[in-house]
Amino acid sequence: MDQKKIDRINELAHKAKTAAGLTAEEIRERDVLRREYIDSVVGNLRRELEHTYVVDAYGNKWKLKGKGGLKS
């Protein structure tokens, strides 16, 4: 996600806190941008964890697998 979209999310968040609030169109735009941001963060985290290994006290490497488990 690029910085312009993040800045727009922040603009909408600040406007929502004012007395003027957001229009229906701005609420939809905010929801779409938030979903895109969340998907981006989750995707980045998932890619990072795909390349993560856990090393135990004996030097054995375990690759992380989905849903919190380990595989050797």
PDB file of N, CA and C in Angstrom:
ATOM      1  N   MET A   1       0.856  -1.173   0.000  1.00  0.00           N
ATOM      2  CA  MET A   1       0.000   0.000   0.000  1.00  0.00           C
ATOM      3  C   MET A   1       0.899   1.231   0.000  1.00  0.00           C
ATOM      4  N   ASP A   2       0.574   2.193  -0.846  1.00  0.00           N
ATOM      5  CA  ASP A   2       1.421   3.370  -0.943  1.00  0.00           C
ATOM      6  C   ASP A   2       1.047   4.427   0.103  1.00  0.00           C
ATOM      7  N   GLN A   3       1.949   5.369   0.281  1.00  0.00           N
ATOM      8  CA  GLN A   3       1.803   6.374   1.332  1.00  0.00           C
ATOM      9  C   GLN A   3       0.595   7.281   1.105  1.00  0.00           C
ATOM     10  N   LYS A   4       0.229   7.530  -0.141  1.00  0.00           N
ATOM     11  CA  LYS A   4      -0.927   8.399  -0.426  1.00  0.00           C
ATOM     12  C   LYS A   4      -2.210   7.799   0.150  1.00  0.00           C
ATOM     13  N   LYS A   5      -2.354   6.482   0.016  1.00  0.00           N
ATOM     14  CA  LYS A   5      -3.554   5.826   0.546  1.00  0.00           C
ATOM     15  C   LYS A   5      -3.560   5.856   2.074  1.00  0.00           C
ATOM     16  N   ILE A   6      -2.408   5.667   2.678  1.00  0.00           N
ATOM     17  CA  ILE A   6      -2.320   5.727   4.144  1.00  0.00           C
ATOM     18  C   ILE A   6      -2.652   7.133   4.622  1.00  0.00           C
ATOM     19  N   ASP A   7      -2.147   8.144   3.921  1.00  0.00           N
ATOM     20  CA  ASP A   7      -2.462   9.531   4.274  1.00  0.00           C
ATOM     21  C   ASP A   7      -3.962   9.785   4.158  1.00  0.00           C
ATOM     22  N   ARG A   8      -4.593   9.222   3.129  1.00  0.00           N
ATOM     23  CA  ARG A   8      -6.044   9.409   2.942  1.00  0.00           C
ATOM     24  C   ARG A   8      -6.815   8.743   4.078  1.00  0.00           C
ATOM     25  N   ILE A   9      -6.378   7.559   4.502  1.00  0.00           N
ATOM     26  CA  ILE A   9      -7.018   6.896   5.644  1.00  0.00           C
ATOM     27  C   ILE A   9      -6.944   7.801   6.868  1.00  0.00           C
ATOM     28  N   ASN A  10      -5.792   8.408   7.092  1.00  0.00           N
ATOM     29  CA  ASN A  10      -5.617   9.298   8.239  1.00  0.00           C
ATOM     30  C   ASN A  10      -6.476  10.547   8.126  1.00  0.00           C
ATOM     31  N   GLU A  11      -6.587  11.100   6.928  1.00  0.00           N
ATOM     32  CA  GLU A  11      -7.446  12.272   6.719  1.00  0.00           C
ATOM     33  C   GLU A  11      -8.893  11.945   7.073  1.00  0.00           C
ATOM     34  N   LEU A  12      -9.356  10.801   6.587  1.00  0.00           N
ATOM     35  CA  LEU A  12     -10.740  10.398   6.863  1.00  0.00           C
ATOM     36  C   LEU A  12     -10.952  10.121   8.347  1.00  0.00           C
ATOM     37  N   ALA A  13      -9.955   9.561   9.001  1.00  0.00           N
ATOM     38  CA  ALA A  13     -10.070   9.297  10.437  1.00  0.00           C
ATOM     39  C   ALA A  13     -10.186  10.597  11.219  1.00  0.00           C
ATOM     40  N   HIS A  14      -9.368  11.578  10.856  1.00  0.00           N
ATOM     41  CA  HIS A  14      -9.441  12.876  11.537  1.00  0.00           C
ATOM     42  C   HIS A  14     -10.769  13.569  11.271  1.00  0.00           C
ATOM     43  N   LYS A  15     -11.238  13.504  10.033  1.00  0.00           N
ATOM     44  CA  LYS A  15     -12.512  14.143   9.692  1.00  0.00           C
ATOM     45  C   LYS A  15     -13.671  13.467  10.423  1.00  0.00           C
ATOM     46  N   ALA A  16     -13.598  12.151  10.599  1.00  0.00           N
ATOM     47  CA  ALA A  16     -14.675  11.427  11.285  1.00  0.00           C
ATOM     48  C   ALA A  16     -14.803  11.872  12.736  1.00  0.00           C
ATOM     49  N   LYS A  17     -13.717  12.341  13.318  1.00  0.00           N
ATOM     50  CA  LYS A  17     -13.729  12.773  14.717  1.00  0.00           C
ATOM     51  C   LYS A  17     -14.257  14.194  14.889  1.00  0.00           C
ATOM     52  N   THR A  18     -14.412  14.936  13.795  1.00  0.00           N
ATOM     53  CA  THR A  18     -14.903  16.304  13.890  1.00  0.00           C
ATOM     54  C   THR A  18     -16.433  16.302  13.927  1.00  0.00           C
ATOM     55  N   ALA A  19     -16.988  17.451  14.164  1.00  0.00           N
ATOM     56  CA  ALA A  19     -18.445  17.592  14.225  1.00  0.00           C
ATOM     57  C   ALA A  19     -19.084  17.367  12.853  1.00  0.00           C
ATOM     58  N   ALA A  20     -18.347  17.668  11.792  1.00  0.00           N
ATOM     59  CA  ALA A  20     -18.886  17.499  10.438  1.00  0.00           C
ATOM     60  C   ALA A  20     -19.085  16.027  10.106  1.00  0.00           C
ATOM     61  N   GLY A  21     -18.181  15.187  10.566  1.00  0.00           N
ATOM     62  CA  GLY A  21     -18.298  13.753  10.299  1.00  0.00           C
ATOM     63  C   GLY A  21     -18.016  13.423   8.838  1.00  0.00           C
ATOM     64  N   LEU A  22     -18.347  12.195   8.464  1.00  0.00           N
ATOM     65  CA  LEU A  22     -18.103  11.714   7.109  1.00  0.00           C
ATOM     66  C   LEU A  22     -19.404  11.544   6.349  1.00  0.00           C
ATOM     67  N   THR A  23     -19.329  11.766   5.047  1.00  0.00           N
ATOM     68  CA  THR A  23     -20.480  11.486   4.197  1.00  0.00           C
ATOM     69  C   THR A  23     -20.545   9.980   3.959  1.00  0.00           C
ATOM     70  N   ALA A  24     -21.637   9.514   3.396  1.00  0.00           N
ATOM     71  CA  ALA A  24     -21.794   8.084   3.115  1.00  0.00           C
ATOM     72  C   ALA A  24     -20.718   7.611   2.132  1.00  0.00           C
ATOM     73  N   GLU A  25     -20.401   8.445   1.161  1.00  0.00           N
ATOM     74  CA  GLU A  25     -19.361   8.086   0.188  1.00  0.00           C
ATOM     75  C   GLU A  25     -17.998   7.976   0.861  1.00  0.00           C
ATOM     76  N   GLU A  26     -17.696   8.898   1.765  1.00  0.00           N
ATOM     77  CA  GLU A  26     -16.419   8.860   2.476  1.00  0.00           C
ATOM     78  C   GLU A  26     -16.335   7.644   3.407  1.00  0.00           C
ATOM     79  N   ILE A  27     -17.441   7.265   3.987  1.00  0.00           N
ATOM     80  CA  ILE A  27     -17.457   6.075   4.841  1.00  0.00           C
ATOM     81  C   ILE A  27     -17.136   4.837   4.012  1.00  0.00           C
ATOM     82  N   ARG A  28     -17.723   4.727   2.830  1.00  0.00           N
ATOM     83  CA  ARG A  28     -17.422   3.590   1.948  1.00  0.00           C
ATOM     84  C   ARG A  28     -15.954   3.605   1.527  1.00  0.00           C
ATOM     85  N   GLU A  29     -15.450   4.793   1.181  1.00  0.00           N
ATOM     86  CA  GLU A  29     -14.037   4.912   0.794  1.00  0.00           C
ATOM     87  C   GLU A  29     -13.132   4.500   1.949  1.00  0.00           C
ATOM     88  N   ARG A  30     -13.440   4.958   3.156  1.00  0.00           N
ATOM     89  CA  ARG A  30     -12.657   4.608   4.337  1.00  0.00           C
ATOM     90  C   ARG A  30     -12.651   3.101   4.570  1.00  0.00           C
ATOM     91  N   ASP A  31     -13.815   2.474   4.440  1.00  0.00           N
ATOM     92  CA  ASP A  31     -13.912   1.030   4.653  1.00  0.00           C
ATOM     93  C   ASP A  31     -13.084   0.253   3.630  1.00  0.00           C
ATOM     94  N   VAL A  32     -13.120   0.689   2.377  1.00  0.00           N
ATOM     95  CA  VAL A  32     -12.341   0.024   1.326  1.00  0.00           C
ATOM     96  C   VAL A  32     -10.846   0.190   1.598  1.00  0.00           C
ATOM     97  N   LEU A  33     -10.430   1.400   1.946  1.00  0.00           N
ATOM     98  CA  LEU A  33      -9.018   1.655   2.221  1.00  0.00           C
ATOM     99  C   LEU A  33      -8.536   0.887   3.451  1.00  0.00           C
ATOM    100  N   ARG A  34      -9.358   0.835   4.476  1.00  0.00           N
ATOM    101  CA  ARG A  34      -8.984   0.081   5.683  1.00  0.00           C
ATOM    102  C   ARG A  34      -8.810  -1.398   5.368  1.00  0.00           C
ATOM    103  N   ARG A  35      -9.736  -1.968   4.593  1.00  0.00           N
ATOM    104  CA  ARG A  35      -9.648  -3.388   4.239  1.00  0.00           C
ATOM    105  C   ARG A  35      -8.379  -3.649   3.451  1.00  0.00           C
ATOM    106  N   GLU A  36      -8.058  -2.746   2.502  1.00  0.00           N
ATOM    107  CA  GLU A  36      -6.841  -2.891   1.704  1.00  0.00           C
ATOM    108  C   GLU A  36      -5.599  -2.835   2.598  1.00  0.00           C
ATOM    109  N   TYR A  37      -5.599  -1.930   3.572  1.00  0.00           N
ATOM    110  CA  TYR A  37      -4.472  -1.795   4.490  1.00  0.00           C
ATOM    111  C   TYR A  37      -4.312  -3.059   5.338  1.00  0.00           C
ATOM    112  N   ILE A  38      -5.404  -3.546   5.886  1.00  0.00           N
ATOM    113  CA  ILE A  38      -5.358  -4.758   6.720  1.00  0.00           C
ATOM    114  C   ILE A  38      -4.864  -5.943   5.898  1.00  0.00           C
ATOM    115  N   ASP A  39      -5.378  -6.099   4.686  1.00  0.00           N
ATOM    116  CA  ASP A  39      -4.940  -7.200   3.821  1.00  0.00           C
ATOM    117  C   ASP A  39      -3.442  -7.090   3.517  1.00  0.00           C
ATOM    118  N   SER A  40      -2.957  -5.885   3.337  1.00  0.00           N
ATOM    119  CA  SER A  40      -1.541  -5.665   3.069  1.00  0.00           C
ATOM    120  C   SER A  40      -0.691  -6.071   4.268  1.00  0.00           C
ATOM    121  N   VAL A  41      -1.088  -5.658   5.457  1.00  0.00           N
ATOM    122  CA  VAL A  41      -0.338  -5.985   6.672  1.00  0.00           C
ATOM    123  C   VAL A  41      -0.341  -7.492   6.916  1.00  0.00           C
ATOM    124  N   VAL A  42      -1.488  -8.118   6.787  1.00  0.00           N
ATOM    125  CA  VAL A  42      -1.593  -9.566   7.009  1.00  0.00           C
ATOM    126  C   VAL A  42      -0.759 -10.318   5.972  1.00  0.00           C
ATOM    127  N   GLY A  43      -0.798  -9.885   4.727  1.00  0.00           N
ATOM    128  CA  GLY A  43      -0.009 -10.519   3.684  1.00  0.00           C
ATOM    129  C   GLY A  43       1.486 -10.421   3.949  1.00  0.00           C
ATOM    130  N   ASN A  44       1.928  -9.233   4.379  1.00  0.00           N
ATOM    131  CA  ASN A  44       3.345  -9.046   4.706  1.00  0.00           C
ATOM    132  C   ASN A  44       3.757  -9.931   5.872  1.00  0.00           C
ATOM    133  N   LEU A  45       2.933 -10.010   6.882  1.00  0.00           N
ATOM    134  CA  LEU A  45       3.231 -10.854   8.041  1.00  0.00           C
ATOM    135  C   LEU A  45       3.281 -12.326   7.644  1.00  0.00           C
ATOM    136  N   ARG A  46       2.339 -12.754   6.837  1.00  0.00           N
ATOM    137  CA  ARG A  46       2.304 -14.149   6.392  1.00  0.00           C
ATOM    138  C   ARG A  46       3.568 -14.503   5.608  1.00  0.00           C
ATOM    139  N   ARG A  47       3.998 -13.608   4.694  1.00  0.00           N
ATOM    140  CA  ARG A  47       5.223 -13.866   3.926  1.00  0.00           C
ATOM    141  C   ARG A  47       6.445 -13.923   4.843  1.00  0.00           C
ATOM    142  N   GLU A  48       6.476 -13.070   5.845  1.00  0.00           N
ATOM    143  CA  GLU A  48       7.595 -13.070   6.791  1.00  0.00           C
ATOM    144  C   GLU A  48       7.634 -14.373   7.583  1.00  0.00           C
ATOM    145  N   LEU A  49       6.488 -14.827   8.032  1.00  0.00           N
ATOM    146  CA  LEU A  49       6.437 -16.050   8.831  1.00  0.00           C
ATOM    147  C   LEU A  49       6.733 -17.301   8.005  1.00  0.00           C
ATOM    148  N   GLU A  50       6.487 -17.255   6.713  1.00  0.00           N
ATOM    149  CA  GLU A  50       6.809 -18.391   5.844  1.00  0.00           C
ATOM    150  C   GLU A  50       8.307 -18.669   5.805  1.00  0.00           C
ATOM    151  N   HIS A  51       9.107 -17.674   6.127  1.00  0.00           N
ATOM    152  CA  HIS A  51      10.560 -17.815   6.091  1.00  0.00           C
ATOM    153  C   HIS A  51      11.161 -17.796   7.498  1.00  0.00           C
ATOM    154  N   THR A  52      10.359 -18.104   8.504  1.00  0.00           N
ATOM    155  CA  THR A  52      10.806 -18.064   9.888  1.00  0.00           C
ATOM    156  C   THR A  52      10.978 -19.480  10.416  1.00  0.00           C
ATOM    157  N   TYR A  53      12.092 -19.692  11.105  1.00  0.00           N
ATOM    158  CA  TYR A  53      12.370 -20.975  11.741  1.00  0.00           C
ATOM    159  C   TYR A  53      12.532 -20.755  13.236  1.00  0.00           C
ATOM    160  N   VAL A  54      12.158 -21.767  14.002  1.00  0.00           N
ATOM    161  CA  VAL A  54      12.359 -21.763  15.442  1.00  0.00           C
ATOM    162  C   VAL A  54      13.493 -22.738  15.713  1.00  0.00           C
ATOM    163  N   VAL A  55      14.472 -22.320  16.517  1.00  0.00           N
ATOM    164  CA  VAL A  55      15.597 -23.181  16.856  1.00  0.00           C
ATOM    165  C   VAL A  55      15.487 -23.520  18.335  1.00  0.00           C
ATOM    166  N   ASP A  56      15.474 -24.826  18.648  1.00  0.00           N
ATOM    167  CA  ASP A  56      15.368 -25.231  20.055  1.00  0.00           C
ATOM    168  C   ASP A  56      16.749 -25.240  20.708  1.00  0.00           C
ATOM    169  N   ALA A  57      16.793 -25.618  21.977  1.00  0.00           N
ATOM    170  CA  ALA A  57      18.026 -25.595  22.760  1.00  0.00           C
ATOM    171  C   ALA A  57      19.085 -26.541  22.192  1.00  0.00           C
ATOM    172  N   TYR A  58      18.684 -27.539  21.432  1.00  0.00           N
ATOM    173  CA  TYR A  58      19.612 -28.519  20.867  1.00  0.00           C
ATOM    174  C   TYR A  58      20.073 -28.154  19.456  1.00  0.00           C
ATOM    175  N   GLY A  59      19.630 -27.031  18.953  1.00  0.00           N
ATOM    176  CA  GLY A  59      20.020 -26.584  17.622  1.00  0.00           C
ATOM    177  C   GLY A  59      19.135 -27.101  16.505  1.00  0.00           C
ATOM    178  N   ASN A  60      18.052 -27.776  16.852  1.00  0.00           N
ATOM    179  CA  ASN A  60      17.124 -28.269  15.835  1.00  0.00           C
ATOM    180  C   ASN A  60      16.289 -27.116  15.293  1.00  0.00           C
ATOM    181  N   LYS A  61      16.147 -27.081  13.966  1.00  0.00           N
ATOM    182  CA  LYS A  61      15.344 -26.047  13.323  1.00  0.00           C
ATOM    183  C   LYS A  61      13.952 -26.590  13.046  1.00  0.00           C
ATOM    184  N   TRP A  62      12.956 -25.765  13.320  1.00  0.00           N
ATOM    185  CA  TRP A  62      11.562 -26.096  13.034  1.00  0.00           C
ATOM    186  C   TRP A  62      10.970 -24.968  12.222  1.00  0.00           C
ATOM    187  N   LYS A  63      10.408 -25.317  11.099  1.00  0.00           N
ATOM    188  CA  LYS A  63       9.747 -24.314  10.263  1.00  0.00           C
ATOM    189  C   LYS A  63       8.321 -24.116  10.777  1.00  0.00           C
ATOM    190  N   LEU A  64       7.923 -22.875  10.850  1.00  0.00           N
ATOM    191  CA  LEU A  64       6.554 -22.575  11.262  1.00  0.00           C
ATOM    192  C   LEU A  64       5.592 -23.053  10.185  1.00  0.00           C
ATOM    193  N   LYS A  65       4.450 -23.570  10.585  1.00  0.00           N
ATOM    194  CA  LYS A  65       3.420 -23.919   9.631  1.00  0.00           C
ATOM    195  C   LYS A  65       2.128 -23.223  10.031  1.00  0.00           C
ATOM    196  N   GLY A  66       1.115 -23.326   9.237  1.00  0.00           N
ATOM    197  CA  GLY A  66      -0.129 -22.609   9.470  1.00  0.00           C
ATOM    198  C   GLY A  66      -0.815 -22.953  10.771  1.00  0.00           C
ATOM    199  N   LYS A  67      -1.620 -22.042  11.240  1.00  0.00           N
ATOM    200  CA  LYS A  67      -2.461 -22.185  12.430  1.00  0.00           C
ATOM    201  C   LYS A  67      -1.674 -22.505  13.693  1.00  0.00           C
ATOM    202  N   GLY A  68      -0.495 -21.896  13.849  1.00  0.00           N
ATOM    203  CA  GLY A  68       0.229 -21.946  15.109  1.00  0.00           C
ATOM    204  C   GLY A  68       1.033 -23.194  15.375  1.00  0.00           C
ATOM    205  N   GLY A  69       1.110 -24.134  14.469  1.00  0.00           N
ATOM    206  CA  GLY A  69       1.868 -25.353  14.715  1.00  0.00           C
ATOM    207  C   GLY A  69       3.295 -25.261  14.191  1.00  0.00           C
ATOM    208  N   LEU A  70       4.088 -26.253  14.545  1.00  0.00           N
ATOM    209  CA  LEU A  70       5.450 -26.355  14.055  1.00  0.00           C
ATOM    210  C   LEU A  70       5.591 -27.620  13.248  1.00  0.00           C
ATOM    211  N   LYS A  71       6.490 -27.598  12.282  1.00  0.00           N
ATOM    212  CA  LYS A  71       6.810 -28.821  11.562  1.00  0.00           C
ATOM    213  C   LYS A  71       8.320 -28.928  11.468  1.00  0.00           C
ATOM    214  N   SER A  72       8.815 -30.127  11.482  1.00  0.00           N
ATOM    215  CA  SER A  72      10.265 -30.317  11.470  1.00  0.00           C
ATOM    216  C   SER A  72      10.807 -30.354  10.068  1.00  0.00           C
TER     217      SER A  72
END
